[in-house]
Each structure stands twice: as structure tokens, then as C-alpha cells.
Amino acid sequence: MNTAGYEKLSISSAMRSYYLEHEVAHGAKALIIFGGTVHSMAHSFVGEDVTDLIVQRRSWRAAALYLVIQMLTSPRSHIPIDSLLMKTITNKDLHWHSVDARV
């Protein structure tokens, strides 16, 4: 958002500043920025490791969804879909575990 020559007059920095002041004025005890921030204010926050838990049900619908995603993300597909679900299901580095969770 910074135009050449106006780098020190950052609109996004001003917006962050007003946001922080607003939240503090309303008594916020914590501010969470998902994905972090590249802004220098990142040095003022305590970093934490987070983990996603993804559960897949054993059903014909889940199997069908998996097959559709495999087709859409194949090199032959010409549909540019970029979603977390597709990236997760097609990620070869993930390790899936089966759990018998009968209730």
C-alpha cells in the first residue's frame, strides 16, 4: 500500500496502530495474529507453535471427496483451485493414522 516516496507514511502501519489502541481501550488481554506479521511489531509478540487437527471420516462421501480432489490437483487438471483442504489432502509429508473411535 506504500507508494514510492511515501514509505514512512504507511497506511497499513497506521491501521495496525489504531487497531491496537482500540483493542487495548476495550480491555483486550491478548491479540492473536494468525499466520504472523512481517511488520516490525512482530518483535512485540510472543510466538507460539500451533498444530492443526484434521479428521477424516471413513465413509463413501469422504472417499469420493478424496478422489475428486486428487483429480482436480493432478497435473492434467486445468482448474486453478487453491485451498487448504486440497493442499492438506495432497500433501505427501502428512502421516495419517487410523483410530477406532466408536462411541
PDB file of N, CA and C in Angstrom:
ATOM      1  N   MET A   1       0.813  -1.197   0.000  1.00  0.00           N
ATOM      2  CA  MET A   1       0.000   0.000   0.000  1.00  0.00           C
ATOM      3  C   MET A   1       0.858   1.263   0.000  1.00  0.00           C
ATOM      4  N   ASN A   2       2.145   1.105   0.136  1.00  0.00           N
ATOM      5  CA  ASN A   2       3.008   2.272   0.179  1.00  0.00           C
ATOM      6  C   ASN A   2       3.427   2.675  -1.228  1.00  0.00           C
ATOM      7  N   THR A   3       3.170   3.912  -1.570  1.00  0.00           N
ATOM      8  CA  THR A   3       3.586   4.444  -2.853  1.00  0.00           C
ATOM      9  C   THR A   3       5.035   4.895  -2.750  1.00  0.00           C
ATOM     10  N   ALA A   4       5.767   4.747  -3.832  1.00  0.00           N
ATOM     11  CA  ALA A   4       7.166   5.165  -3.838  1.00  0.00           C
ATOM     12  C   ALA A   4       7.265   6.615  -3.380  1.00  0.00           C
ATOM     13  N   GLY A   5       8.151   6.857  -2.434  1.00  0.00           N
ATOM     14  CA  GLY A   5       8.336   8.198  -1.898  1.00  0.00           C
ATOM     15  C   GLY A   5       7.567   8.446  -0.608  1.00  0.00           C
ATOM     16  N   TYR A   6       6.614   7.544  -0.287  1.00  0.00           N
ATOM     17  CA  TYR A   6       5.803   7.702   0.930  1.00  0.00           C
ATOM     18  C   TYR A   6       5.962   6.506   1.864  1.00  0.00           C
ATOM     19  N   GLU A   7       7.105   5.845   1.826  1.00  0.00           N
ATOM     20  CA  GLU A   7       7.312   4.633   2.612  1.00  0.00           C
ATOM     21  C   GLU A   7       7.126   4.862   4.109  1.00  0.00           C
ATOM     22  N   LYS A   8       7.502   6.044   4.605  1.00  0.00           N
ATOM     23  CA  LYS A   8       7.392   6.314   6.042  1.00  0.00           C
ATOM     24  C   LYS A   8       5.979   6.687   6.452  1.00  0.00           C
ATOM     25  N   LEU A   9       5.087   6.894   5.497  1.00  0.00           N
ATOM     26  CA  LEU A   9       3.699   7.248   5.784  1.00  0.00           C
ATOM     27  C   LEU A   9       2.803   6.060   5.447  1.00  0.00           C
ATOM     28  N   SER A  10       3.068   4.946   6.080  1.00  0.00           N
ATOM     29  CA  SER A  10       2.382   3.703   5.763  1.00  0.00           C
ATOM     30  C   SER A  10       0.947   3.699   6.274  1.00  0.00           C
ATOM     31  N   ILE A  11       0.017   3.490   5.371  1.00  0.00           N
ATOM     32  CA  ILE A  11      -1.396   3.389   5.748  1.00  0.00           C
ATOM     33  C   ILE A  11      -1.621   2.138   6.588  1.00  0.00           C
ATOM     34  N   SER A  12      -0.988   1.037   6.199  1.00  0.00           N
ATOM     35  CA  SER A  12      -1.193  -0.204   6.948  1.00  0.00           C
ATOM     36  C   SER A  12      -0.606  -0.102   8.354  1.00  0.00           C
ATOM     37  N   SER A  13       0.505   0.601   8.534  1.00  0.00           N
ATOM     38  CA  SER A  13       1.062   0.795   9.882  1.00  0.00           C
ATOM     39  C   SER A  13       0.123   1.631  10.734  1.00  0.00           C
ATOM     40  N   ALA A  14      -0.459   2.657  10.146  1.00  0.00           N
ATOM     41  CA  ALA A  14      -1.418   3.486  10.879  1.00  0.00           C
ATOM     42  C   ALA A  14      -2.647   2.669  11.264  1.00  0.00           C
ATOM     43  N   MET A  15      -3.119   1.810  10.364  1.00  0.00           N
ATOM     44  CA  MET A  15      -4.281   0.971  10.669  1.00  0.00           C
ATOM     45  C   MET A  15      -3.966   0.001  11.800  1.00  0.00           C
ATOM     46  N   ARG A  16      -2.789  -0.605  11.779  1.00  0.00           N
ATOM     47  CA  ARG A  16      -2.396  -1.508  12.863  1.00  0.00           C
ATOM     48  C   ARG A  16      -2.348  -0.766  14.193  1.00  0.00           C
ATOM     49  N   SER A  17      -1.789   0.432  14.167  1.00  0.00           N
ATOM     50  CA  SER A  17      -1.673   1.229  15.387  1.00  0.00           C
ATOM     51  C   SER A  17      -3.047   1.547  15.966  1.00  0.00           C
ATOM     52  N   TYR A  18      -3.974   2.003  15.126  1.00  0.00           N
ATOM     53  CA  TYR A  18      -5.330   2.298  15.603  1.00  0.00           C
ATOM     54  C   TYR A  18      -6.023   1.036  16.121  1.00  0.00           C
ATOM     55  N   TYR A  19      -5.796  -0.071  15.448  1.00  0.00           N
ATOM     56  CA  TYR A  19      -6.394  -1.330  15.881  1.00  0.00           C
ATOM     57  C   TYR A  19      -5.897  -1.714  17.276  1.00  0.00           C
ATOM     58  N   LEU A  20      -4.588  -1.641  17.483  1.00  0.00           N
ATOM     59  CA  LEU A  20      -4.020  -1.972  18.794  1.00  0.00           C
ATOM     60  C   LEU A  20      -4.561  -1.043  19.880  1.00  0.00           C
ATOM     61  N   GLU A  21      -4.599   0.251  19.601  1.00  0.00           N
ATOM     62  CA  GLU A  21      -5.132   1.208  20.578  1.00  0.00           C
ATOM     63  C   GLU A  21      -6.590   0.903  20.897  1.00  0.00           C
ATOM     64  N   HIS A  22      -7.364   0.572  19.885  1.00  0.00           N
ATOM     65  CA  HIS A  22      -8.785   0.255  20.073  1.00  0.00           C
ATOM     66  C   HIS A  22      -8.957  -0.971  20.961  1.00  0.00           C
ATOM     67  N   GLU A  23      -8.193  -2.021  20.691  1.00  0.00           N
ATOM     68  CA  GLU A  23      -8.307  -3.249  21.466  1.00  0.00           C
ATOM     69  C   GLU A  23      -7.856  -3.052  22.911  1.00  0.00           C
ATOM     70  N   VAL A  24      -6.792  -2.303  23.125  1.00  0.00           N
ATOM     71  CA  VAL A  24      -6.323  -2.023  24.487  1.00  0.00           C
ATOM     72  C   VAL A  24      -7.364  -1.211  25.240  1.00  0.00           C
ATOM     73  N   ALA A  25      -7.965  -0.224  24.587  1.00  0.00           N
ATOM     74  CA  ALA A  25      -9.001   0.606  25.212  1.00  0.00           C
ATOM     75  C   ALA A  25     -10.212  -0.217  25.621  1.00  0.00           C
ATOM     76  N   HIS A  26     -10.476  -1.299  24.906  1.00  0.00           N
ATOM     77  CA  HIS A  26     -11.613  -2.168  25.233  1.00  0.00           C
ATOM     78  C   HIS A  26     -11.227  -3.305  26.175  1.00  0.00           C
ATOM     79  N   GLY A  27     -10.015  -3.272  26.702  1.00  0.00           N
ATOM     80  CA  GLY A  27      -9.609  -4.241  27.717  1.00  0.00           C
ATOM     81  C   GLY A  27      -9.099  -5.567  27.199  1.00  0.00           C
ATOM     82  N   ALA A  28      -8.666  -5.617  25.965  1.00  0.00           N
ATOM     83  CA  ALA A  28      -8.157  -6.877  25.417  1.00  0.00           C
ATOM     84  C   ALA A  28      -6.925  -7.327  26.196  1.00  0.00           C
ATOM     85  N   LYS A  29      -6.889  -8.579  26.546  1.00  0.00           N
ATOM     86  CA  LYS A  29      -5.760  -9.158  27.275  1.00  0.00           C
ATOM     87  C   LYS A  29      -4.780  -9.851  26.338  1.00  0.00           C
ATOM     88  N   ALA A  30      -5.240 -10.212  25.147  1.00  0.00           N
ATOM     89  CA  ALA A  30      -4.377 -10.903  24.185  1.00  0.00           C
ATOM     90  C   ALA A  30      -4.787 -10.504  22.778  1.00  0.00           C
ATOM     91  N   LEU A  31      -3.825 -10.502  21.902  1.00  0.00           N
ATOM     92  CA  LEU A  31      -4.074 -10.244  20.483  1.00  0.00           C
ATOM     93  C   LEU A  31      -3.404 -11.364  19.708  1.00  0.00           C
ATOM     94  N   ILE A  32      -4.179 -12.040  18.904  1.00  0.00           N
ATOM     95  CA  ILE A  32      -3.664 -13.174  18.140  1.00  0.00           C
ATOM     96  C   ILE A  32      -3.653 -12.794  16.669  1.00  0.00           C
ATOM     97  N   ILE A  33      -2.497 -12.945  16.041  1.00  0.00           N
ATOM     98  CA  ILE A  33      -2.379 -12.693  14.611  1.00  0.00           C
ATOM     99  C   ILE A  33      -2.056 -14.033  13.965  1.00  0.00           C
ATOM    100  N   PHE A  34      -3.054 -14.656  13.347  1.00  0.00           N
ATOM    101  CA  PHE A  34      -2.860 -15.948  12.707  1.00  0.00           C
ATOM    102  C   PHE A  34      -1.962 -15.776  11.497  1.00  0.00           C
ATOM    103  N   GLY A  35      -0.943 -16.595  11.426  1.00  0.00           N
ATOM    104  CA  GLY A  35      -0.015 -16.523  10.319  1.00  0.00           C
ATOM    105  C   GLY A  35       1.107 -15.540  10.555  1.00  0.00           C
ATOM    106  N   GLY A  36       1.040 -14.814  11.664  1.00  0.00           N
ATOM    107  CA  GLY A  36       2.094 -13.865  11.987  1.00  0.00           C
ATOM    108  C   GLY A  36       2.006 -12.588  11.184  1.00  0.00           C
ATOM    109  N   THR A  37       2.998 -11.749  11.329  1.00  0.00           N
ATOM    110  CA  THR A  37       3.078 -10.498  10.593  1.00  0.00           C
ATOM    111  C   THR A  37       4.537 -10.205  10.280  1.00  0.00           C
ATOM    112  N   VAL A  38       4.779  -9.644   9.122  1.00  0.00           N
ATOM    113  CA  VAL A  38       6.143  -9.286   8.746  1.00  0.00           C
ATOM    114  C   VAL A  38       6.493  -7.886   9.233  1.00  0.00           C
ATOM    115  N   HIS A  39       5.508  -7.206   9.784  1.00  0.00           N
ATOM    116  CA  HIS A  39       5.713  -5.858  10.306  1.00  0.00           C
ATOM    117  C   HIS A  39       6.642  -5.918  11.520  1.00  0.00           C
ATOM    118  N   SER A  40       7.320  -4.822  11.814  1.00  0.00           N
ATOM    119  CA  SER A  40       8.261  -4.799  12.938  1.00  0.00           C
ATOM    120  C   SER A  40       7.573  -5.059  14.276  1.00  0.00           C
ATOM    121  N   MET A  41       6.249  -4.908  14.322  1.00  0.00           N
ATOM    122  CA  MET A  41       5.538  -5.180  15.577  1.00  0.00           C
ATOM    123  C   MET A  41       5.600  -6.666  15.944  1.00  0.00           C
ATOM    124  N   ALA A  42       5.999  -7.503  15.007  1.00  0.00           N
ATOM    125  CA  ALA A  42       6.110  -8.941  15.292  1.00  0.00           C
ATOM    126  C   ALA A  42       7.078  -9.202  16.433  1.00  0.00           C
ATOM    127  N   HIS A  43       8.029  -8.304  16.656  1.00  0.00           N
ATOM    128  CA  HIS A  43       9.001  -8.474  17.737  1.00  0.00           C
ATOM    129  C   HIS A  43       8.377  -8.207  19.107  1.00  0.00           C
ATOM    130  N   SER A  44       7.174  -7.653  19.138  1.00  0.00           N
ATOM    131  CA  SER A  44       6.499  -7.348  20.393  1.00  0.00           C
ATOM    132  C   SER A  44       5.582  -8.475  20.850  1.00  0.00           C
ATOM    133  N   PHE A  45       5.429  -9.511  20.048  1.00  0.00           N
ATOM    134  CA  PHE A  45       4.534 -10.604  20.374  1.00  0.00           C
ATOM    135  C   PHE A  45       5.320 -11.847  20.769  1.00  0.00           C
ATOM    136  N   VAL A  46       4.700 -12.670  21.571  1.00  0.00           N
ATOM    137  CA  VAL A  46       5.278 -13.954  21.949  1.00  0.00           C
ATOM    138  C   VAL A  46       4.802 -14.978  20.928  1.00  0.00           C
ATOM    139  N   GLY A  47       5.745 -15.636  20.293  1.00  0.00           N
ATOM    140  CA  GLY A  47       5.385 -16.640  19.305  1.00  0.00           C
ATOM    141  C   GLY A  47       4.988 -17.951  19.949  1.00  0.00           C
ATOM    142  N   GLU A  48       4.074 -18.657  19.332  1.00  0.00           N
ATOM    143  CA  GLU A  48       3.645 -19.963  19.819  1.00  0.00           C
ATOM    144  C   GLU A  48       3.534 -20.926  18.655  1.00  0.00           C
ATOM    145  N   ASP A  49       3.854 -22.176  18.919  1.00  0.00           N
ATOM    146  CA  ASP A  49       3.671 -23.208  17.913  1.00  0.00           C
ATOM    147  C   ASP A  49       2.218 -23.643  17.925  1.00  0.00           C
ATOM    148  N   VAL A  50       1.655 -23.848  16.757  1.00  0.00           N
ATOM    149  CA  VAL A  50       0.273 -24.305  16.658  1.00  0.00           C
ATOM    150  C   VAL A  50       0.231 -25.562  15.802  1.00  0.00           C
ATOM    151  N   THR A  51      -0.805 -26.348  15.996  1.00  0.00           N
ATOM    152  CA  THR A  51      -0.982 -27.587  15.263  1.00  0.00           C
ATOM    153  C   THR A  51      -2.419 -27.676  14.782  1.00  0.00           C
ATOM    154  N   ASP A  52      -2.598 -28.144  13.573  1.00  0.00           N
ATOM    155  CA  ASP A  52      -3.931 -28.379  13.042  1.00  0.00           C
ATOM    156  C   ASP A  52      -4.279 -29.849  13.236  1.00  0.00           C
ATOM    157  N   LEU A  53      -5.506 -30.097  13.629  1.00  0.00           N
ATOM    158  CA  LEU A  53      -6.002 -31.460  13.743  1.00  0.00           C
ATOM    159  C   LEU A  53      -7.036 -31.654  12.647  1.00  0.00           C
ATOM    160  N   ILE A  54      -6.779 -32.592  11.775  1.00  0.00           N
ATOM    161  CA  ILE A  54      -7.685 -32.848  10.663  1.00  0.00           C
ATOM    162  C   ILE A  54      -8.197 -34.271  10.798  1.00  0.00           C
ATOM    163  N   VAL A  55      -9.495 -34.403  10.781  1.00  0.00           N
ATOM    164  CA  VAL A  55     -10.127 -35.705  10.973  1.00  0.00           C
ATOM    165  C   VAL A  55     -10.873 -36.065   9.695  1.00  0.00           C
ATOM    166  N   GLN A  56     -10.684 -37.284   9.249  1.00  0.00           N
ATOM    167  CA  GLN A  56     -11.377 -37.774   8.059  1.00  0.00           C
ATOM    168  C   GLN A  56     -12.240 -38.956   8.452  1.00  0.00           C
ATOM    169  N   ARG A  57     -13.496 -38.867   8.180  1.00  0.00           N
ATOM    170  CA  ARG A  57     -14.430 -39.940   8.479  1.00  0.00           C
ATOM    171  C   ARG A  57     -14.320 -41.027   7.415  1.00  0.00           C
ATOM    172  N   ARG A  58     -14.452 -42.251   7.835  1.00  0.00           N
ATOM    173  CA  ARG A  58     -14.464 -43.359   6.875  1.00  0.00           C
ATOM    174  C   ARG A  58     -15.884 -43.504   6.336  1.00  0.00           C
ATOM    175  N   SER A  59     -16.086 -42.977   5.153  1.00  0.00           N
ATOM    176  CA  SER A  59     -17.404 -43.076   4.523  1.00  0.00           C
ATOM    177  C   SER A  59     -17.219 -42.976   3.015  1.00  0.00           C
ATOM    178  N   TRP A  60     -18.264 -43.297   2.284  1.00  0.00           N
ATOM    179  CA  TRP A  60     -18.182 -43.204   0.832  1.00  0.00           C
ATOM    180  C   TRP A  60     -18.075 -41.749   0.397  1.00  0.00           C
ATOM    181  N   ARG A  61     -18.661 -40.820   1.159  1.00  0.00           N
ATOM    182  CA  ARG A  61     -18.567 -39.392   0.815  1.00  0.00           C
ATOM    183  C   ARG A  61     -17.129 -38.891   0.958  1.00  0.00           C
ATOM    184  N   ALA A  62     -16.463 -39.297   2.035  1.00  0.00           N
ATOM    185  CA  ALA A  62     -15.075 -38.896   2.237  1.00  0.00           C
ATOM    186  C   ALA A  62     -14.191 -39.473   1.137  1.00  0.00           C
ATOM    187  N   ALA A  63     -14.435 -40.716   0.775  1.00  0.00           N
ATOM    188  CA  ALA A  63     -13.658 -41.345  -0.295  1.00  0.00           C
ATOM    189  C   ALA A  63     -13.897 -40.641  -1.629  1.00  0.00           C
ATOM    190  N   ALA A  64     -15.147 -40.263  -1.895  1.00  0.00           N
ATOM    191  CA  ALA A  64     -15.469 -39.555  -3.140  1.00  0.00           C
ATOM    192  C   ALA A  64     -14.806 -38.179  -3.164  1.00  0.00           C
ATOM    193  N   LEU A  65     -14.847 -37.482  -2.038  1.00  0.00           N
ATOM    194  CA  LEU A  65     -14.201 -36.167  -1.954  1.00  0.00           C
ATOM    195  C   LEU A  65     -12.698 -36.297  -2.199  1.00  0.00           C
ATOM    196  N   TYR A  66     -12.086 -37.300  -1.621  1.00  0.00           N
ATOM    197  CA  TYR A  66     -10.664 -37.537  -1.812  1.00  0.00           C
ATOM    198  C   TYR A  66     -10.344 -37.776  -3.285  1.00  0.00           C
ATOM    199  N   LEU A  67     -11.141 -38.574  -3.960  1.00  0.00           N
ATOM    200  CA  LEU A  67     -10.913 -38.850  -5.380  1.00  0.00           C
ATOM    201  C   LEU A  67     -11.087 -37.598  -6.234  1.00  0.00           C
ATOM    202  N   VAL A  68     -12.094 -36.797  -5.939  1.00  0.00           N
ATOM    203  CA  VAL A  68     -12.314 -35.552  -6.693  1.00  0.00           C
ATOM    204  C   VAL A  68     -11.132 -34.613  -6.505  1.00  0.00           C
ATOM    205  N   ILE A  69     -10.665 -34.488  -5.278  1.00  0.00           N
ATOM    206  CA  ILE A  69      -9.522 -33.611  -5.013  1.00  0.00           C
ATOM    207  C   ILE A  69      -8.280 -34.128  -5.724  1.00  0.00           C
ATOM    208  N   GLN A  70      -8.075 -35.424  -5.734  1.00  0.00           N
ATOM    209  CA  GLN A  70      -6.940 -35.994  -6.452  1.00  0.00           C
ATOM    210  C   GLN A  70      -7.012 -35.658  -7.948  1.00  0.00           C
ATOM    211  N   MET A  71      -8.212 -35.724  -8.523  1.00  0.00           N
ATOM    212  CA  MET A  71      -8.370 -35.390  -9.942  1.00  0.00           C
ATOM    213  C   MET A  71      -8.133 -33.906 -10.197  1.00  0.00           C
ATOM    214  N   LEU A  72      -8.648 -33.045  -9.313  1.00  0.00           N
ATOM    215  CA  LEU A  72      -8.510 -31.601  -9.513  1.00  0.00           C
ATOM    216  C   LEU A  72      -7.086 -31.110  -9.325  1.00  0.00           C
ATOM    217  N   THR A  73      -6.308 -31.819  -8.532  1.00  0.00           N
ATOM    218  CA  THR A  73      -4.931 -31.382  -8.289  1.00  0.00           C
ATOM    219  C   THR A  73      -3.910 -32.140  -9.144  1.00  0.00           C
ATOM    220  N   SER A  74      -4.391 -32.986 -10.019  1.00  0.00           N
ATOM    221  CA  SER A  74      -3.470 -33.715 -10.887  1.00  0.00           C
ATOM    222  C   SER A  74      -2.848 -32.740 -11.888  1.00  0.00           C
ATOM    223  N   PRO A  75      -1.677 -33.071 -12.397  1.00  0.00           N
ATOM    224  CA  PRO A  75      -1.017 -32.185 -13.373  1.00  0.00           C
ATOM    225  C   PRO A  75      -1.843 -31.963 -14.635  1.00  0.00           C
ATOM    226  N   ARG A  76      -2.764 -32.868 -14.928  1.00  0.00           N
ATOM    227  CA  ARG A  76      -3.591 -32.731 -16.138  1.00  0.00           C
ATOM    228  C   ARG A  76      -4.773 -31.788 -15.936  1.00  0.00           C
ATOM    229  N   SER A  77      -5.087 -31.451 -14.704  1.00  0.00           N
ATOM    230  CA  SER A  77      -6.234 -30.589 -14.431  1.00  0.00           C
ATOM    231  C   SER A  77      -5.908 -29.147 -14.807  1.00  0.00           C
ATOM    232  N   HIS A  78      -6.863 -28.490 -15.413  1.00  0.00           N
ATOM    233  CA  HIS A  78      -6.676 -27.091 -15.815  1.00  0.00           C
ATOM    234  C   HIS A  78      -7.510 -26.152 -14.949  1.00  0.00           C
ATOM    235  N   ILE A  79      -7.987 -26.640 -13.829  1.00  0.00           N
ATOM    236  CA  ILE A  79      -8.801 -25.819 -12.924  1.00  0.00           C
ATOM    237  C   ILE A  79      -7.901 -25.312 -11.805  1.00  0.00           C
ATOM    238  N   PRO A  80      -7.639 -24.003 -11.762  1.00  0.00           N
ATOM    239  CA  PRO A  80      -6.750 -23.450 -10.726  1.00  0.00           C
ATOM    240  C   PRO A  80      -7.471 -23.237  -9.400  1.00  0.00           C
ATOM    241  N   ILE A  81      -7.530 -24.256  -8.577  1.00  0.00           N
ATOM    242  CA  ILE A  81      -8.168 -24.151  -7.266  1.00  0.00           C
ATOM    243  C   ILE A  81      -7.074 -24.237  -6.211  1.00  0.00           C
ATOM    244  N   ASP A  82      -7.043 -23.254  -5.339  1.00  0.00           N
ATOM    245  CA  ASP A  82      -6.016 -23.203  -4.304  1.00  0.00           C
ATOM    246  C   ASP A  82      -6.726 -23.145  -2.950  1.00  0.00           C
ATOM    247  N   SER A  83      -6.808 -24.277  -2.274  1.00  0.00           N
ATOM    248  CA  SER A  83      -7.489 -24.293  -0.983  1.00  0.00           C
ATOM    249  C   SER A  83      -6.691 -25.104   0.033  1.00  0.00           C
ATOM    250  N   LEU A  84      -6.904 -24.805   1.302  1.00  0.00           N
ATOM    251  CA  LEU A  84      -6.221 -25.524   2.374  1.00  0.00           C
ATOM    252  C   LEU A  84      -6.582 -27.001   2.347  1.00  0.00           C
ATOM    253  N   LEU A  85      -7.834 -27.313   2.099  1.00  0.00           N
ATOM    254  CA  LEU A  85      -8.264 -28.718   2.064  1.00  0.00           C
ATOM    255  C   LEU A  85      -7.509 -29.487   0.985  1.00  0.00           C
ATOM    256  N   MET A  86      -7.407 -28.908  -0.197  1.00  0.00           N
ATOM    257  CA  MET A  86      -6.702 -29.592  -1.286  1.00  0.00           C
ATOM    258  C   MET A  86      -5.224 -29.753  -0.971  1.00  0.00           C
ATOM    259  N   LYS A  87      -4.614 -28.719  -0.431  1.00  0.00           N
ATOM    260  CA  LYS A  87      -3.197 -28.805  -0.086  1.00  0.00           C
ATOM    261  C   LYS A  87      -2.961 -29.844   0.999  1.00  0.00           C
ATOM    262  N   THR A  88      -3.877 -29.940   1.945  1.00  0.00           N
ATOM    263  CA  THR A  88      -3.730 -30.885   3.046  1.00  0.00           C
ATOM    264  C   THR A  88      -3.865 -32.319   2.557  1.00  0.00           C
ATOM    265  N   ILE A  89      -4.896 -32.582   1.799  1.00  0.00           N
ATOM    266  CA  ILE A  89      -5.145 -33.948   1.345  1.00  0.00           C
ATOM    267  C   ILE A  89      -4.049 -34.439   0.404  1.00  0.00           C
ATOM    268  N   THR A  90      -3.488 -33.543  -0.398  1.00  0.00           N
ATOM    269  CA  THR A  90      -2.474 -33.954  -1.368  1.00  0.00           C
ATOM    270  C   THR A  90      -1.049 -33.840  -0.835  1.00  0.00           C
ATOM    271  N   ASN A  91      -0.892 -33.395   0.406  1.00  0.00           N
ATOM    272  CA  ASN A  91       0.443 -33.241   0.993  1.00  0.00           C
ATOM    273  C   ASN A  91       1.034 -34.620   1.289  1.00  0.00           C
ATOM    274  N   LYS A  92       2.125 -34.935   0.626  1.00  0.00           N
ATOM    275  CA  LYS A  92       2.761 -36.253   0.789  1.00  0.00           C
ATOM    276  C   LYS A  92       3.536 -36.368   2.100  1.00  0.00           C
ATOM    277  N   ASP A  93       3.792 -35.243   2.786  1.00  0.00           N
ATOM    278  CA  ASP A  93       4.553 -35.266   4.033  1.00  0.00           C
ATOM    279  C   ASP A  93       3.683 -35.558   5.258  1.00  0.00           C
ATOM    280  N   LEU A  94       2.364 -35.543   5.094  1.00  0.00           N
ATOM    281  CA  LEU A  94       1.479 -35.815   6.227  1.00  0.00           C
ATOM    282  C   LEU A  94       1.385 -37.310   6.482  1.00  0.00           C
ATOM    283  N   HIS A  95       1.246 -37.659   7.738  1.00  0.00           N
ATOM    284  CA  HIS A  95       1.108 -39.051   8.142  1.00  0.00           C
ATOM    285  C   HIS A  95      -0.279 -39.224   8.733  1.00  0.00           C
ATOM    286  N   TRP A  96      -1.116 -40.028   8.066  1.00  0.00           N
ATOM    287  CA  TRP A  96      -2.483 -40.264   8.524  1.00  0.00           C
ATOM    288  C   TRP A  96      -2.484 -41.513   9.408  1.00  0.00           C
ATOM    289  N   HIS A  97      -3.236 -41.460  10.489  1.00  0.00           N
ATOM    290  CA  HIS A  97      -3.346 -42.586  11.411  1.00  0.00           C
ATOM    291  C   HIS A  97      -4.806 -42.979  11.553  1.00  0.00           C
ATOM    292  N   SER A  98      -5.064 -44.271  11.562  1.00  0.00           N
ATOM    293  CA  SER A  98      -6.422 -44.757  11.769  1.00  0.00           C
ATOM    294  C   SER A  98      -6.668 -44.941  13.261  1.00  0.00           C
ATOM    295  N   VAL A  99      -7.820 -44.497  13.695  1.00  0.00           N
ATOM    296  CA  VAL A  99      -8.199 -44.621  15.102  1.00  0.00           C
ATOM    297  C   VAL A  99      -9.614 -45.174  15.150  1.00  0.00           C
ATOM    298  N   ASP A 100      -9.834 -46.167  15.960  1.00  0.00           N
ATOM    299  CA  ASP A 100     -11.170 -46.704  16.147  1.00  0.00           C
ATOM    300  C   ASP A 100     -11.843 -45.885  17.238  1.00  0.00           C
ATOM    301  N   ALA A 101     -12.738 -44.983  16.840  1.00  0.00           N
ATOM    302  CA  ALA A 101     -13.350 -44.058  17.794  1.00  0.00           C
ATOM    303  C   ALA A 101     -14.849 -44.315  17.897  1.00  0.00           C
ATOM    304  N   ARG A 102     -15.191 -45.540  18.142  1.00  0.00           N
ATOM    305  CA  ARG A 102     -16.619 -45.875  18.296  1.00  0.00           C
ATOM    306  C   ARG A 102     -17.136 -45.327  19.609  1.00  0.00           C
ATOM    307  N   VAL A 103     -18.275 -44.711  19.505  1.00  0.00           N
ATOM    308  CA  VAL A 103     -18.877 -44.115  20.721  1.00  0.00           C
ATOM    309  C   VAL A 103     -20.070 -44.916  21.152  1.00  0.00           C
TER     310      VAL A 103
END
